[in-house]
Amino acid sequence: MESDERPGTILSDAESWKVFERSQHGRLAICVGGEPDIYPINFLAHNGLLLLRTNPGTKLAGLTVNDKVAFEVDEVVDDEAWSVVLHGTARVIESQTEIDEADKLPLKPWIPTRKYTYVEITPNRIHGRHFELGEEPERY
């Protein structure tokens, strides 16, 4: 009996990275005070790294205490969807030379705030899936 289910296709690392390159918004997962938390973030995938901007606060404090992060992006176009998760190591950019270079990139806050702290995430592992969307198959 042929199945009418379509569970999704596993993406290669390169295909997964392409989803990050064409996206601008995702979710950063970190551990803050021993508890997991998720933050919506706009970002830029650039030269094999993720860059984001933030302000001092809970998120930045969590990143400096525990530099291991996960970052997730979902994309839906018409009847297709992609979901990609990246695990990596975060680092606050402190060198003025690196800050000056980052300032030249097209990474701006989405809301009217001043975010002067850059964070770079170096990927350690990436995995993703592609889905063809559709109605649930008949149960029986």
C-alpha atoms as a PDB file:
ATOM      1  CA  MET A   1       0.000   0.000   0.000  1.00  0.00           C
ATOM      2  CA  GLU A   2       1.441   3.360  -1.026  1.00  0.00           C
ATOM      3  CA  SER A   3       1.526   6.029   1.662  1.00  0.00           C
ATOM      4  CA  ASP A   4      -0.089   9.400   1.065  1.00  0.00           C
ATOM      5  CA  GLU A   5       1.987  11.034   3.795  1.00  0.00           C
ATOM      6  CA  ARG A   6       4.776  13.520   2.994  1.00  0.00           C
ATOM      7  CA  PRO A   7       6.923  13.919   6.134  1.00  0.00           C
ATOM      8  CA  GLY A   8       9.475  16.286   4.604  1.00  0.00           C
ATOM      9  CA  THR A   9      12.914  16.164   3.052  1.00  0.00           C
ATOM     10  CA  ILE A  10      16.138  16.492   5.024  1.00  0.00           C
ATOM     11  CA  LEU A  11      18.261  19.370   3.723  1.00  0.00           C
ATOM     12  CA  SER A  12      22.022  19.239   3.264  1.00  0.00           C
ATOM     13  CA  ASP A  13      24.174  21.667   5.263  1.00  0.00           C
ATOM     14  CA  ALA A  14      24.543  23.865   2.161  1.00  0.00           C
ATOM     15  CA  GLU A  15      20.775  23.867   1.504  1.00  0.00           C
ATOM     16  CA  SER A  16      20.137  24.670   5.158  1.00  0.00           C
ATOM     17  CA  TRP A  17      22.593  27.584   5.090  1.00  0.00           C
ATOM     18  CA  LYS A  18      20.853  28.999   1.992  1.00  0.00           C
ATOM     19  CA  VAL A  19      17.659  29.307   4.055  1.00  0.00           C
ATOM     20  CA  PHE A  20      19.586  31.458   6.537  1.00  0.00           C
ATOM     21  CA  GLU A  21      21.070  33.551   3.716  1.00  0.00           C
ATOM     22  CA  ARG A  22      17.646  34.445   2.327  1.00  0.00           C
ATOM     23  CA  SER A  23      16.048  35.045   5.748  1.00  0.00           C
ATOM     24  CA  GLN A  24      16.243  38.018   8.057  1.00  0.00           C
ATOM     25  CA  HIS A  25      14.233  36.955  11.082  1.00  0.00           C
ATOM     26  CA  GLY A  26      14.524  33.981  13.400  1.00  0.00           C
ATOM     27  CA  ARG A  27      14.510  32.849  16.995  1.00  0.00           C
ATOM     28  CA  LEU A  28      17.531  32.726  19.273  1.00  0.00           C
ATOM     29  CA  ALA A  29      17.409  30.039  21.982  1.00  0.00           C
ATOM     30  CA  ILE A  30      19.671  30.495  24.987  1.00  0.00           C
ATOM     31  CA  CYS A  31      19.790  29.494  28.624  1.00  0.00           C
ATOM     32  CA  VAL A  32      19.236  32.421  31.025  1.00  0.00           C
ATOM     33  CA  GLY A  33      19.564  31.807  34.734  1.00  0.00           C
ATOM     34  CA  GLY A  34      19.402  28.056  34.213  1.00  0.00           C
ATOM     35  CA  GLU A  35      16.146  28.311  32.227  1.00  0.00           C
ATOM     36  CA  PRO A  36      15.757  28.047  28.441  1.00  0.00           C
ATOM     37  CA  ASP A  37      14.362  31.101  26.681  1.00  0.00           C
ATOM     38  CA  ILE A  38      13.670  32.144  23.090  1.00  0.00           C
ATOM     39  CA  TYR A  39      14.037  35.620  21.579  1.00  0.00           C
ATOM     40  CA  PRO A  40      12.799  36.850  18.198  1.00  0.00           C
ATOM     41  CA  ILE A  41      15.792  38.322  16.372  1.00  0.00           C
ATOM     42  CA  ASN A  42      16.533  39.929  13.048  1.00  0.00           C
ATOM     43  CA  PHE A  43      19.936  38.858  11.768  1.00  0.00           C
ATOM     44  CA  LEU A  44      22.277  38.717   8.817  1.00  0.00           C
ATOM     45  CA  ALA A  45      23.952  35.575   7.475  1.00  0.00           C
ATOM     46  CA  HIS A  46      27.351  36.794   6.272  1.00  0.00           C
ATOM     47  CA  ASN A  47      30.559  34.941   5.385  1.00  0.00           C
ATOM     48  CA  GLY A  48      29.443  31.722   7.095  1.00  0.00           C
ATOM     49  CA  LEU A  49      28.457  33.506  10.332  1.00  0.00           C
ATOM     50  CA  LEU A  50      25.274  34.941  11.807  1.00  0.00           C
ATOM     51  CA  LEU A  51      25.363  38.519  13.007  1.00  0.00           C
ATOM     52  CA  LEU A  52      22.807  40.189  15.234  1.00  0.00           C
ATOM     53  CA  ARG A  53      22.533  43.435  17.151  1.00  0.00           C
ATOM     54  CA  THR A  54      21.251  43.815  20.692  1.00  0.00           C
ATOM     55  CA  ASN A  55      21.282  46.013  23.787  1.00  0.00           C
ATOM     56  CA  PRO A  56      22.499  45.263  27.299  1.00  0.00           C
ATOM     57  CA  GLY A  57      19.913  43.153  29.120  1.00  0.00           C
ATOM     58  CA  THR A  58      18.849  39.599  29.855  1.00  0.00           C
ATOM     59  CA  LYS A  59      19.594  38.260  26.372  1.00  0.00           C
ATOM     60  CA  LEU A  60      23.098  39.732  26.214  1.00  0.00           C
ATOM     61  CA  ALA A  61      23.860  38.659  29.782  1.00  0.00           C
ATOM     62  CA  GLY A  62      22.748  35.126  28.923  1.00  0.00           C
ATOM     63  CA  LEU A  63      24.976  35.094  25.846  1.00  0.00           C
ATOM     64  CA  THR A  64      28.032  36.184  27.818  1.00  0.00           C
ATOM     65  CA  VAL A  65      27.481  33.585  30.570  1.00  0.00           C
ATOM     66  CA  ASN A  66      26.728  30.683  28.228  1.00  0.00           C
ATOM     67  CA  ASP A  67      27.975  31.120  24.676  1.00  0.00           C
ATOM     68  CA  LYS A  68      26.284  27.948  23.340  1.00  0.00           C
ATOM     69  CA  VAL A  69      23.153  28.869  21.398  1.00  0.00           C
ATOM     70  CA  ALA A  70      20.582  27.521  18.999  1.00  0.00           C
ATOM     71  CA  PHE A  71      19.016  29.653  16.270  1.00  0.00           C
ATOM     72  CA  GLU A  72      15.945  28.665  14.278  1.00  0.00           C
ATOM     73  CA  VAL A  73      14.475  30.000  11.041  1.00  0.00           C
ATOM     74  CA  ASP A  74      11.181  29.061   9.407  1.00  0.00           C
ATOM     75  CA  GLU A  75      10.160  30.149   5.940  1.00  0.00           C
ATOM     76  CA  VAL A  76       6.835  29.588   4.175  1.00  0.00           C
ATOM     77  CA  VAL A  77       6.321  30.368   0.493  1.00  0.00           C
ATOM     78  CA  ASP A  78       3.038  29.362  -1.125  1.00  0.00           C
ATOM     79  CA  ASP A  79       2.695  25.617  -0.492  1.00  0.00           C
ATOM     80  CA  GLU A  80       6.271  24.980   0.673  1.00  0.00           C
ATOM     81  CA  ALA A  81       8.021  25.476   4.007  1.00  0.00           C
ATOM     82  CA  TRP A  82      11.566  25.247   5.335  1.00  0.00           C
ATOM     83  CA  SER A  83      12.649  24.887   8.942  1.00  0.00           C
ATOM     84  CA  VAL A  84      16.327  25.098   9.855  1.00  0.00           C
ATOM     85  CA  VAL A  85      18.100  24.984  13.217  1.00  0.00           C
ATOM     86  CA  LEU A  86      21.680  26.062  13.729  1.00  0.00           C
ATOM     87  CA  HIS A  87      23.715  25.292  16.846  1.00  0.00           C
ATOM     88  CA  GLY A  88      26.699  27.488  17.461  1.00  0.00           C
ATOM     89  CA  THR A  89      28.915  29.584  19.656  1.00  0.00           C
ATOM     90  CA  ALA A  90      28.140  33.246  20.298  1.00  0.00           C
ATOM     91  CA  ARG A  91      30.711  35.981  20.760  1.00  0.00           C
ATOM     92  CA  VAL A  92      30.193  39.665  21.494  1.00  0.00           C
ATOM     93  CA  ILE A  93      32.181  41.702  18.984  1.00  0.00           C
ATOM     94  CA  GLU A  94      34.392  44.066  20.962  1.00  0.00           C
ATOM     95  CA  SER A  95      37.186  45.059  18.573  1.00  0.00           C
ATOM     96  CA  GLN A  96      36.545  48.523  17.123  1.00  0.00           C
ATOM     97  CA  THR A  97      37.857  47.328  13.756  1.00  0.00           C
ATOM     98  CA  GLU A  98      35.288  44.504  13.686  1.00  0.00           C
ATOM     99  CA  ILE A  99      32.518  46.872  14.860  1.00  0.00           C
ATOM    100  CA  ASP A 100      33.405  49.336  12.084  1.00  0.00           C
ATOM    101  CA  GLU A 101      33.209  46.501   9.521  1.00  0.00           C
ATOM    102  CA  ALA A 102      29.899  45.269  10.931  1.00  0.00           C
ATOM    103  CA  ASP A 103      28.486  48.813  10.758  1.00  0.00           C
ATOM    104  CA  LYS A 104      28.935  48.690   6.964  1.00  0.00           C
ATOM    105  CA  LEU A 105      26.672  45.632   6.637  1.00  0.00           C
ATOM    106  CA  PRO A 106      22.917  45.837   5.960  1.00  0.00           C
ATOM    107  CA  LEU A 107      21.926  44.834   9.499  1.00  0.00           C
ATOM    108  CA  LYS A 108      19.625  47.420  11.045  1.00  0.00           C
ATOM    109  CA  PRO A 109      17.146  47.166  13.926  1.00  0.00           C
ATOM    110  CA  TRP A 110      13.581  46.534  12.776  1.00  0.00           C
ATOM    111  CA  ILE A 111      12.139  48.761  15.460  1.00  0.00           C
ATOM    112  CA  PRO A 112      13.196  52.308  16.397  1.00  0.00           C
ATOM    113  CA  THR A 113      15.841  51.400  18.974  1.00  0.00           C
ATOM    114  CA  ARG A 114      19.561  51.930  19.289  1.00  0.00           C
ATOM    115  CA  LYS A 115      21.309  48.571  19.299  1.00  0.00           C
ATOM    116  CA  TYR A 116      25.051  49.050  19.390  1.00  0.00           C
ATOM    117  CA  THR A 117      26.206  45.620  20.537  1.00  0.00           C
ATOM    118  CA  TYR A 118      27.024  43.142  17.771  1.00  0.00           C
ATOM    119  CA  VAL A 119      26.955  39.411  18.423  1.00  0.00           C
ATOM    120  CA  GLU A 120      28.513  36.904  16.048  1.00  0.00           C
ATOM    121  CA  ILE A 121      27.366  33.276  16.014  1.00  0.00           C
ATOM    122  CA  THR A 122      29.755  30.704  14.579  1.00  0.00           C
ATOM    123  CA  PRO A 123      27.840  27.603  13.434  1.00  0.00           C
ATOM    124  CA  ASN A 124      28.900  24.233  14.833  1.00  0.00           C
ATOM    125  CA  ARG A 125      26.010  22.236  13.381  1.00  0.00           C
ATOM    126  CA  ILE A 126      23.088  22.986  11.082  1.00  0.00           C
ATOM    127  CA  HIS A 127      20.136  20.851  10.084  1.00  0.00           C
ATOM    128  CA  GLY A 128      16.951  21.556   8.219  1.00  0.00           C
ATOM    129  CA  ARG A 129      13.885  20.182   6.506  1.00  0.00           C
ATOM    130  CA  HIS A 130      11.789  21.121   3.503  1.00  0.00           C
ATOM    131  CA  PHE A 131       8.057  20.445   3.532  1.00  0.00           C
ATOM    132  CA  GLU A 132       5.379  20.357   0.857  1.00  0.00           C
ATOM    133  CA  LEU A 133       2.324  21.747   2.617  1.00  0.00           C
ATOM    134  CA  GLY A 134      -1.119  20.258   2.172  1.00  0.00           C
ATOM    135  CA  GLU A 135      -4.196  18.888   3.822  1.00  0.00           C
ATOM    136  CA  GLU A 136      -4.004  16.060   6.314  1.00  0.00           C
ATOM    137  CA  PRO A 137      -4.562  12.676   4.599  1.00  0.00           C
ATOM    138  CA  GLU A 138      -7.742  10.767   5.360  1.00  0.00           C
ATOM    139  CA  ARG A 139      -7.480   8.997   8.681  1.00  0.00           C
ATOM    140  CA  TYR A 140      -8.697   5.578   7.516  1.00  0.00           C
END
